[in-house]
């Protein structure tokens, strides 16, 4: 009698092991939100299984919502975020994800509220301050935007995006020298950030420093080969350039750029 009982025990053990391995694989695919075609079916399988509840079930909804966001299915993303937060009101990632989706949908006040809740749950969540500051800036509330960017930098002095966003806000306020300082800091943290050179070139242009603006433009072209054509088309539309749109930042394009800078880069 001992052998059949032992055999049954072994079969039960192997069955449970296989089941655990299967759900480990499902969980692994569910969190791969950058691959939504794999993540969404895996999360959905877990959600529909009836095996999970509370925080764990909330986690599956959070990940599926993030995958829907990546696919551009924003209403489904918000729906899943809502359910994840109903199941777990302390789901920090759920608040942040819903806020980010609401920004895309234009629900900016709702986004600010959710970023605030995420910050309440984690006062050192740098990305939430940066993202909320960006929303405040879009709403024209530059004082609060600056406050969020300042706080992000205080928490993490190497937060490159915070310097870029604060620099951009300084630019909108016409404080170009402060903007240059922030863009320079961002470049020191990431010398290959094309956007930082683009914005610093514009800021130098605004204060009439043509040589530094052209130097940054040259670096930008090295980092982004398509920028030369974009700039030629832009200068042509403004009436400063009459040559070919060939992507060659030669003497004709340089002269057009100098005229643009002299005109105040407007």
Protein backbone atom coordinates (compact mmCIF):
# COMPACT_ATOMS: atom_id res chain seq x y z
CA UNK A 1 0.00 0.00 0.00
CA UNK A 2 2.94 2.33 0.64
CA UNK A 3 4.03 2.41 -3.00
CA UNK A 4 0.70 3.55 -4.48
CA UNK A 5 0.47 6.27 -1.82
CA UNK A 6 4.02 7.36 -2.59
CA UNK A 7 3.21 7.41 -6.29
CA UNK A 8 0.14 9.57 -5.67
CA UNK A 9 2.21 11.97 -3.56
CA UNK A 10 4.83 12.23 -6.31
CA UNK A 11 2.17 12.92 -8.95
CA UNK A 12 0.57 15.61 -6.80
CA UNK A 13 3.97 17.18 -6.16
CA UNK A 14 4.85 17.18 -9.87
CA UNK A 15 1.43 18.61 -10.73
CA UNK A 16 1.85 21.48 -8.25
CA UNK A 17 5.41 22.10 -9.45
CA UNK A 18 4.28 22.27 -13.07
CA UNK A 19 1.40 24.60 -12.15
CA UNK A 20 3.76 26.87 -10.22
CA UNK A 21 6.20 26.91 -13.13
CA UNK A 22 3.36 27.77 -15.53
CA UNK A 23 2.19 30.73 -13.44
CA UNK A 24 5.77 31.88 -13.02
CA UNK A 25 6.01 32.01 -16.81
CA UNK A 26 2.67 33.83 -17.11
CA UNK A 27 3.78 36.38 -14.50
CA UNK A 28 7.06 36.85 -16.33
CA UNK A 29 5.30 37.61 -19.62
CA UNK A 30 2.72 39.84 -17.94
CA UNK A 31 5.38 42.24 -16.67
CA UNK A 32 6.95 42.57 -20.14
CA UNK A 33 4.76 45.58 -20.87
CA UNK A 34 7.12 46.80 -23.59
CA UNK A 35 5.91 43.73 -25.54
CA UNK A 36 2.14 44.23 -25.32
CA UNK A 37 1.23 41.43 -27.73
CA UNK A 38 2.71 39.00 -25.20
CA UNK A 39 2.01 40.92 -22.01
CA UNK A 40 -1.73 41.50 -22.50
CA UNK A 41 -2.70 37.82 -23.09
CA UNK A 42 -0.57 36.73 -20.12
CA UNK A 43 -2.06 39.32 -17.78
CA UNK A 44 -5.56 38.51 -19.04
CA UNK A 45 -5.01 34.80 -18.38
CA UNK A 46 -4.02 35.58 -14.81
CA UNK A 47 -6.93 38.00 -14.28
CA UNK A 48 -9.47 35.50 -15.60
CA UNK A 49 -8.03 32.53 -13.69
CA UNK A 50 -9.75 33.42 -10.42
CA UNK A 51 -6.60 32.44 -8.54
CA UNK A 52 -5.58 35.94 -7.51
CA UNK A 53 -7.05 38.72 -5.41
CA UNK A 54 -6.06 41.94 -3.67
CA UNK A 55 -2.59 43.33 -4.34
CA UNK A 56 -1.54 40.50 -6.65
CA UNK A 57 -4.61 40.85 -8.86
CA UNK A 58 -4.08 44.62 -8.82
CA UNK A 59 -0.53 44.04 -10.10
CA UNK A 60 -1.85 42.11 -13.12
CA UNK A 61 -4.30 44.92 -13.95
CA UNK A 62 -1.52 47.50 -13.56
CA UNK A 63 0.72 45.70 -16.03
CA UNK A 64 -2.05 45.08 -18.55
CA UNK A 65 -3.00 48.75 -18.36
CA UNK A 66 0.61 49.75 -19.03
CA UNK A 67 0.67 47.43 -22.05
CA UNK A 68 -2.60 48.93 -23.36
CA UNK A 69 -1.03 52.39 -22.99
CA UNK A 70 1.93 51.29 -25.10
CA UNK A 71 -0.49 50.11 -27.81
CA UNK A 72 -2.28 53.48 -27.72
CA UNK A 73 -5.45 51.97 -26.25
CA UNK A 74 -5.69 54.70 -23.65
CA UNK A 75 -9.30 54.19 -22.53
CA UNK A 76 -8.57 50.53 -21.79
CA UNK A 77 -5.41 51.60 -19.97
CA UNK A 78 -7.39 53.94 -17.72
CA UNK A 79 -10.03 51.27 -17.13
CA UNK A 80 -7.40 48.79 -15.96
CA UNK A 81 -5.70 51.43 -13.82
CA UNK A 82 -9.03 52.18 -12.16
CA UNK A 83 -9.54 48.50 -11.34
CA UNK A 84 -5.98 48.10 -10.08
CA UNK A 85 -6.52 51.02 -7.68
CA UNK A 86 -9.90 49.70 -6.55
CA UNK A 87 -8.19 46.45 -5.59
CA UNK A 88 -5.20 48.19 -4.01
CA UNK A 89 -5.62 51.89 -3.11
CA UNK A 90 -1.90 52.03 -2.24
CA UNK A 91 -0.75 50.93 -5.70
CA UNK A 92 1.82 53.62 -6.42
CA UNK A 93 2.50 52.42 -9.97
CA UNK A 94 -1.23 52.40 -10.66
CA UNK A 95 -1.54 56.10 -9.81
CA UNK A 96 1.51 57.02 -11.86
CA UNK A 97 0.38 55.00 -14.87
CA UNK A 98 -3.14 56.44 -14.79
CA UNK A 99 -1.71 59.95 -14.53
CA UNK A 100 0.54 59.38 -17.55
CA UNK A 101 -2.36 58.06 -19.62
CA UNK A 102 -4.56 60.98 -18.56
CA UNK A 103 -1.88 63.38 -19.79
CA UNK A 104 -2.13 61.81 -23.25
CA UNK A 105 -5.92 62.05 -23.09
CA UNK A 106 -5.70 65.72 -22.09
CA UNK A 107 -7.11 65.16 -18.61
CA UNK A 108 -4.41 67.28 -17.02
CA UNK A 109 -6.06 68.11 -13.71
CA UNK A 110 -6.81 64.41 -13.13
CA UNK A 111 -3.18 63.64 -13.95
CA UNK A 112 -1.95 66.19 -11.39
CA UNK A 113 -4.17 64.59 -8.74
CA UNK A 114 -2.79 61.11 -9.45
CA UNK A 115 0.83 62.27 -9.53
CA UNK A 116 0.15 63.87 -6.16
CA UNK A 117 -1.18 60.57 -4.77
CA UNK A 118 1.88 58.75 -6.05
CA UNK A 119 4.10 61.32 -4.33
CA UNK A 120 2.14 60.89 -1.08
CA UNK A 121 2.92 57.16 -1.24
CA UNK A 122 6.58 57.80 -2.08
CA UNK A 123 7.81 61.35 -1.37
CA UNK A 124 11.11 60.51 -3.13
CA UNK A 125 9.57 59.40 -6.42
CA UNK A 126 11.60 61.66 -8.70
CA UNK A 127 9.78 60.79 -11.93
CA UNK A 128 6.42 61.81 -10.43
CA UNK A 129 7.75 65.29 -9.59
CA UNK A 130 9.23 65.61 -13.09
CA UNK A 131 6.04 64.46 -14.80
CA UNK A 132 3.77 66.62 -12.63
CA UNK A 133 6.04 69.59 -13.25
CA UNK A 134 5.65 69.02 -16.98
CA UNK A 135 1.87 69.11 -16.63
CA UNK A 136 2.00 72.29 -14.53
CA UNK A 137 4.18 73.84 -17.23
CA UNK A 138 1.64 72.91 -19.93
CA UNK A 139 -1.07 74.56 -17.83
CA UNK A 140 1.03 77.73 -17.54
CA UNK A 141 1.57 77.28 -13.81
CA UNK A 142 5.31 77.86 -14.06
CA UNK A 143 5.84 78.50 -10.36
CA UNK A 144 4.56 75.06 -9.40
CA UNK A 145 6.37 73.50 -12.34
CA UNK A 146 9.66 74.99 -11.15
CA UNK A 147 8.92 73.81 -7.63
CA UNK A 148 8.52 70.22 -8.83
CA UNK A 149 11.65 70.31 -10.99
CA UNK A 150 13.64 71.83 -8.11
CA UNK A 151 12.39 69.12 -5.77
CA UNK A 152 13.29 66.37 -8.24
CA UNK A 153 16.83 67.75 -8.57
CA UNK A 154 17.13 68.04 -4.79
CA UNK A 155 16.29 64.34 -4.45
CA UNK A 156 18.48 63.31 -7.37
CA UNK A 157 21.04 65.87 -8.59
CA UNK A 158 21.71 63.60 -11.58
CA UNK A 159 18.12 63.66 -12.83
CA UNK A 160 18.90 64.70 -16.40
CA UNK A 161 15.25 65.03 -17.46
CA UNK A 162 14.56 67.42 -14.57
CA UNK A 163 17.27 69.78 -15.85
CA UNK A 164 15.90 69.53 -19.41
CA UNK A 165 12.36 70.29 -18.28
CA UNK A 166 13.39 73.11 -15.98
CA UNK A 167 15.56 74.57 -18.73
CA UNK A 168 12.65 74.43 -21.16
CA UNK A 169 10.44 76.20 -18.61
CA UNK A 170 13.07 78.90 -18.12
CA UNK A 171 13.06 79.31 -21.89
CA UNK A 172 9.29 79.80 -21.95
CA UNK A 173 9.74 82.48 -19.30
CA UNK A 174 12.41 84.21 -21.39
CA UNK A 175 15.13 83.39 -18.84
CA UNK A 176 17.56 82.11 -21.45
CA UNK A 177 20.76 82.25 -19.41
CA UNK A 178 19.22 80.11 -16.66
CA UNK A 179 17.97 77.79 -19.40
CA UNK A 180 21.50 77.52 -20.80
CA UNK A 181 22.82 76.56 -17.36
CA UNK A 182 20.27 73.75 -17.07
CA UNK A 183 20.82 72.46 -20.59
CA UNK A 184 24.57 72.51 -19.97
CA UNK A 185 24.07 70.45 -16.82
CA UNK A 186 21.93 67.96 -18.75
CA UNK A 187 24.67 67.70 -21.40
CA UNK A 188 27.30 67.08 -18.72
CA UNK A 189 25.16 64.18 -17.47
CA UNK A 190 24.46 62.85 -20.98
CA UNK A 191 26.75 64.24 -23.72
CA UNK A 192 24.77 62.38 -26.41
CA UNK A 193 21.39 63.96 -25.68
CA UNK A 194 20.49 65.65 -28.98
CA UNK A 195 17.50 67.49 -27.51
CA UNK A 196 19.70 69.24 -24.95
CA UNK A 197 21.96 70.63 -27.69
CA UNK A 198 18.92 71.69 -29.71
CA UNK A 199 17.44 73.63 -26.80
CA UNK A 200 20.75 75.16 -25.76
CA UNK A 201 21.40 76.22 -29.36
CA UNK A 202 18.02 77.95 -29.38
CA UNK A 203 18.77 79.63 -26.04
CA UNK A 204 22.14 80.89 -27.28
CA UNK A 205 20.35 82.10 -30.40
CA UNK A 206 17.87 84.04 -28.26
CA UNK A 207 20.67 85.94 -26.48
CA UNK A 208 22.47 86.59 -29.79
CA UNK A 209 25.47 84.30 -29.25
CA UNK A 210 25.72 83.05 -32.82
CA UNK A 211 28.99 81.11 -32.49
CA UNK A 212 27.86 79.01 -29.54
CA UNK A 213 24.49 78.47 -31.16
CA UNK A 214 26.17 77.23 -34.34
CA UNK A 215 28.56 75.03 -32.34
CA UNK A 216 25.61 73.34 -30.62
CA UNK A 217 23.78 73.04 -33.94
CA UNK A 218 26.83 71.32 -35.44
CA UNK A 219 26.93 68.87 -32.52
CA UNK A 220 23.20 68.27 -32.88
CA UNK A 221 23.62 67.36 -36.55
CA UNK A 222 26.32 64.84 -35.61
CA UNK A 223 23.94 63.21 -33.14
CA UNK A 224 20.84 63.46 -35.35
CA UNK A 225 21.58 63.22 -39.06
CA UNK A 226 18.03 64.20 -39.97
CA UNK A 227 18.20 67.53 -38.15
CA UNK A 228 20.11 69.30 -40.96
CA UNK A 229 17.24 68.80 -43.39
CA UNK A 230 14.71 69.86 -40.77
CA UNK A 231 16.67 73.02 -40.10
CA UNK A 232 17.05 73.81 -43.82
CA UNK A 233 13.31 73.43 -44.34
CA UNK A 234 12.61 75.56 -41.27
CA UNK A 235 14.95 78.32 -42.46
CA UNK A 236 13.47 78.12 -45.94
CA UNK A 237 9.94 78.49 -44.58
CA UNK A 238 11.08 81.60 -42.71
CA UNK A 239 12.66 83.05 -45.86
CA UNK A 240 16.28 82.88 -44.69
CA UNK A 241 17.38 79.98 -46.93
CA UNK A 242 16.91 79.46 -50.64
CA UNK A 243 19.11 76.44 -51.32
CA UNK A 244 18.39 72.75 -51.68
CA UNK A 245 17.07 70.63 -48.82
CA UNK A 246 19.99 68.21 -49.03
CA UNK A 247 21.00 67.70 -45.40
CA UNK A 248 24.38 69.37 -45.98
CA UNK A 249 25.00 72.09 -43.44
CA UNK A 250 27.30 74.00 -45.78
CA UNK A 251 28.12 77.71 -46.25
CA UNK A 252 24.66 78.59 -47.58
CA UNK A 253 22.87 76.98 -44.66
CA UNK A 254 25.34 78.50 -42.17
CA UNK A 255 24.77 81.97 -43.59
CA UNK A 256 21.01 81.47 -43.40
CA UNK A 257 21.35 80.35 -39.81
CA UNK A 258 23.43 83.43 -38.94
CA UNK A 259 20.70 85.64 -40.41
CA UNK A 260 18.12 83.77 -38.37
CA UNK A 261 20.14 84.30 -35.18
CA UNK A 262 20.61 87.99 -35.99
CA UNK A 263 16.83 88.27 -36.39
CA UNK A 264 16.40 86.92 -32.87
CA UNK A 265 15.49 83.33 -33.78
CA UNK A 266 11.83 84.23 -33.95
